[in-house]
Amino acid sequence: MDQPIIFAIDDDPQVLRAITRDLKNQYRQDYRILSTTSVQEALDSLLELKNKGEVVAMFVSDQRMPEMEGIDFLCKALSFFPNAKRVLLTAYADTEAAIKAINDVKLD
């Protein structure tokens, strides 16, 4: 069986490269690391992964993205993989977003 997946999304390519690099350095022995800058590409990939019987163990999502907020992405992503852990990243002191994330997607 394939390794479970850690799936990262951030619209900033530099930030995403850094996140992906750090995740691979720490977790590549036990997880496959997939990443994208596009919400639509992410959702398409998640459908494909689900149809293949793959397992996503964790989502790492930026909060502020132009296509969709991270909380909304996590809600959609969890419809494919409801048991996945969730991490929301933000560079802003957005208390309301943090509270919404904790309540809406039971942020880990």
C-alpha atoms as a PDB file:
ATOM      1  CA  MET A   1       0.000   0.000   0.000  1.00  0.00           C
ATOM      2  CA  ASP A   2       1.166   3.533  -0.747  1.00  0.00           C
ATOM      3  CA  GLN A   3       2.220   5.859   2.025  1.00  0.00           C
ATOM      4  CA  PRO A   4      -0.434   8.195   3.426  1.00  0.00           C
ATOM      5  CA  ILE A   5      -0.307  11.743   2.100  1.00  0.00           C
ATOM      6  CA  ILE A   6       0.313  15.143   3.622  1.00  0.00           C
ATOM      7  CA  PHE A   7      -1.326  17.656   1.271  1.00  0.00           C
ATOM      8  CA  ALA A   8      -0.180  21.295   1.382  1.00  0.00           C
ATOM      9  CA  ILE A   9      -1.719  24.302  -0.353  1.00  0.00           C
ATOM     10  CA  ASP A  10      -0.602  27.931  -0.433  1.00  0.00           C
ATOM     11  CA  ASP A  11      -1.058  30.463  -3.235  1.00  0.00           C
ATOM     12  CA  ASP A  12       2.439  31.886  -2.679  1.00  0.00           C
ATOM     13  CA  PRO A  13       4.890  29.627  -4.563  1.00  0.00           C
ATOM     14  CA  GLN A  14       7.864  30.601  -2.367  1.00  0.00           C
ATOM     15  CA  VAL A  15       6.001  29.863   0.841  1.00  0.00           C
ATOM     16  CA  LEU A  16       4.708  26.585  -0.586  1.00  0.00           C
ATOM     17  CA  ARG A  17       8.230  25.529  -1.603  1.00  0.00           C
ATOM     18  CA  ALA A  18       9.444  26.194   1.947  1.00  0.00           C
ATOM     19  CA  ILE A  19       6.529  24.307   3.513  1.00  0.00           C
ATOM     20  CA  THR A  20       6.974  21.382   1.129  1.00  0.00           C
ATOM     21  CA  ARG A  21      10.727  21.271   1.735  1.00  0.00           C
ATOM     22  CA  ASP A  22      10.269  21.262   5.506  1.00  0.00           C
ATOM     23  CA  LEU A  23       7.554  18.597   5.381  1.00  0.00           C
ATOM     24  CA  LYS A  24       9.700  16.375   3.162  1.00  0.00           C
ATOM     25  CA  ASN A  25      12.747  16.829   5.389  1.00  0.00           C
ATOM     26  CA  GLN A  26      10.758  15.795   8.448  1.00  0.00           C
ATOM     27  CA  TYR A  27       8.211  13.261   7.164  1.00  0.00           C
ATOM     28  CA  ARG A  28       9.310  11.745   3.838  1.00  0.00           C
ATOM     29  CA  GLN A  29      10.054   8.372   5.472  1.00  0.00           C
ATOM     30  CA  ASP A  30       6.417   7.874   6.445  1.00  0.00           C
ATOM     31  CA  TYR A  31       4.363  10.148   4.164  1.00  0.00           C
ATOM     32  CA  ARG A  32       4.140  11.301   0.585  1.00  0.00           C
ATOM     33  CA  ILE A  33       4.080  15.087   0.390  1.00  0.00           C
ATOM     34  CA  LEU A  34       1.869  16.645  -2.283  1.00  0.00           C
ATOM     35  CA  SER A  35       1.419  20.374  -2.804  1.00  0.00           C
ATOM     36  CA  THR A  36      -0.190  22.925  -5.090  1.00  0.00           C
ATOM     37  CA  THR A  37      -0.795  26.667  -5.359  1.00  0.00           C
ATOM     38  CA  SER A  38      -4.268  26.224  -6.888  1.00  0.00           C
ATOM     39  CA  VAL A  39      -7.456  25.434  -4.986  1.00  0.00           C
ATOM     40  CA  GLN A  40      -9.122  23.988  -8.089  1.00  0.00           C
ATOM     41  CA  GLU A  41      -6.113  21.788  -8.809  1.00  0.00           C
ATOM     42  CA  ALA A  42      -6.145  20.667  -5.176  1.00  0.00           C
ATOM     43  CA  LEU A  43      -9.827  19.713  -5.277  1.00  0.00           C
ATOM     44  CA  ASP A  44      -9.363  17.865  -8.577  1.00  0.00           C
ATOM     45  CA  SER A  45      -6.384  16.002  -7.106  1.00  0.00           C
ATOM     46  CA  LEU A  46      -8.304  15.089  -3.962  1.00  0.00           C
ATOM     47  CA  LEU A  47     -11.125  13.580  -6.014  1.00  0.00           C
ATOM     48  CA  GLU A  48      -8.593  11.561  -7.995  1.00  0.00           C
ATOM     49  CA  LEU A  49      -6.818  10.409  -4.830  1.00  0.00           C
ATOM     50  CA  LYS A  50     -10.107   9.372  -3.229  1.00  0.00           C
ATOM     51  CA  ASN A  51     -11.120   7.432  -6.347  1.00  0.00           C
ATOM     52  CA  LYS A  52      -7.767   5.604  -6.260  1.00  0.00           C
ATOM     53  CA  GLY A  53      -8.304   4.627  -2.620  1.00  0.00           C
ATOM     54  CA  GLU A  54      -5.412   6.769  -1.372  1.00  0.00           C
ATOM     55  CA  VAL A  55      -5.334   8.158   2.173  1.00  0.00           C
ATOM     56  CA  VAL A  56      -4.698  11.802   3.026  1.00  0.00           C
ATOM     57  CA  ALA A  57      -3.488  11.959   6.618  1.00  0.00           C
ATOM     58  CA  MET A  58      -3.188  15.731   6.925  1.00  0.00           C
ATOM     59  CA  PHE A  59      -4.036  18.974   5.145  1.00  0.00           C
ATOM     60  CA  VAL A  60      -1.844  22.049   5.552  1.00  0.00           C
ATOM     61  CA  SER A  61      -3.620  25.099   4.135  1.00  0.00           C
ATOM     62  CA  ASP A  62      -2.966  28.813   3.905  1.00  0.00           C
ATOM     63  CA  GLN A  63      -5.919  30.877   5.146  1.00  0.00           C
ATOM     64  CA  ARG A  64      -5.785  33.796   2.704  1.00  0.00           C
ATOM     65  CA  MET A  65      -5.845  32.581  -0.884  1.00  0.00           C
ATOM     66  CA  PRO A  66      -7.448  34.372  -3.854  1.00  0.00           C
ATOM     67  CA  GLU A  67      -9.602  31.444  -5.008  1.00  0.00           C
ATOM     68  CA  MET A  68     -11.002  30.475  -1.612  1.00  0.00           C
ATOM     69  CA  GLU A  69     -10.241  30.970   2.063  1.00  0.00           C
ATOM     70  CA  GLY A  70      -8.347  28.174   3.755  1.00  0.00           C
ATOM     71  CA  ILE A  71     -11.238  27.371   6.095  1.00  0.00           C
ATOM     72  CA  ASP A  72     -13.537  26.846   3.110  1.00  0.00           C
ATOM     73  CA  PHE A  73     -10.912  24.725   1.364  1.00  0.00           C
ATOM     74  CA  LEU A  74     -10.532  22.553   4.460  1.00  0.00           C
ATOM     75  CA  CYS A  75     -14.315  22.082   4.650  1.00  0.00           C
ATOM     76  CA  LYS A  76     -14.359  20.866   1.037  1.00  0.00           C
ATOM     77  CA  ALA A  77     -11.221  18.740   1.497  1.00  0.00           C
ATOM     78  CA  LEU A  78     -12.737  17.041   4.529  1.00  0.00           C
ATOM     79  CA  SER A  79     -15.686  15.919   2.420  1.00  0.00           C
ATOM     80  CA  PHE A  80     -13.158  13.705   0.581  1.00  0.00           C
ATOM     81  CA  PHE A  81     -11.049  12.688   3.589  1.00  0.00           C
ATOM     82  CA  PRO A  82     -13.000  13.331   6.819  1.00  0.00           C
ATOM     83  CA  ASN A  83     -10.418  11.681   9.078  1.00  0.00           C
ATOM     84  CA  ALA A  84      -7.495  13.835   7.939  1.00  0.00           C
ATOM     85  CA  LYS A  85      -5.826  16.146  10.427  1.00  0.00           C
ATOM     86  CA  ARG A  86      -6.066  19.855   9.629  1.00  0.00           C
ATOM     87  CA  VAL A  87      -3.547  22.670   9.883  1.00  0.00           C
ATOM     88  CA  LEU A  88      -4.382  26.267   8.957  1.00  0.00           C
ATOM     89  CA  LEU A  89      -1.535  28.704   8.306  1.00  0.00           C
ATOM     90  CA  THR A  90      -1.873  32.460   8.392  1.00  0.00           C
ATOM     91  CA  ALA A  91       0.520  35.375   8.502  1.00  0.00           C
ATOM     92  CA  TYR A  92      -2.214  37.601   9.882  1.00  0.00           C
ATOM     93  CA  ALA A  93      -3.511  38.086  13.418  1.00  0.00           C
ATOM     94  CA  ASP A  94      -7.027  37.120  12.395  1.00  0.00           C
ATOM     95  CA  THR A  95      -8.720  35.952  15.588  1.00  0.00           C
ATOM     96  CA  GLU A  96     -12.111  35.619  13.916  1.00  0.00           C
ATOM     97  CA  ALA A  97     -10.692  33.293  11.249  1.00  0.00           C
ATOM     98  CA  ALA A  98      -8.980  31.202  13.922  1.00  0.00           C
ATOM     99  CA  ILE A  99     -12.187  30.826  15.926  1.00  0.00           C
ATOM    100  CA  LYS A 100     -14.165  29.987  12.773  1.00  0.00           C
ATOM    101  CA  ALA A 101     -11.559  27.384  11.797  1.00  0.00           C
ATOM    102  CA  ILE A 102     -11.639  25.745  15.205  1.00  0.00           C
ATOM    103  CA  ASN A 103     -15.433  25.607  15.159  1.00  0.00           C
ATOM    104  CA  ASP A 104     -16.120  24.820  11.494  1.00  0.00           C
ATOM    105  CA  VAL A 105     -13.395  22.319  10.667  1.00  0.00           C
ATOM    106  CA  LYS A 106     -12.344  21.257  14.154  1.00  0.00           C
ATOM    107  CA  LEU A 107      -8.826  22.445  13.476  1.00  0.00           C
ATOM    108  CA  ASP A 108      -6.050  20.261  14.890  1.00  0.00           C
END
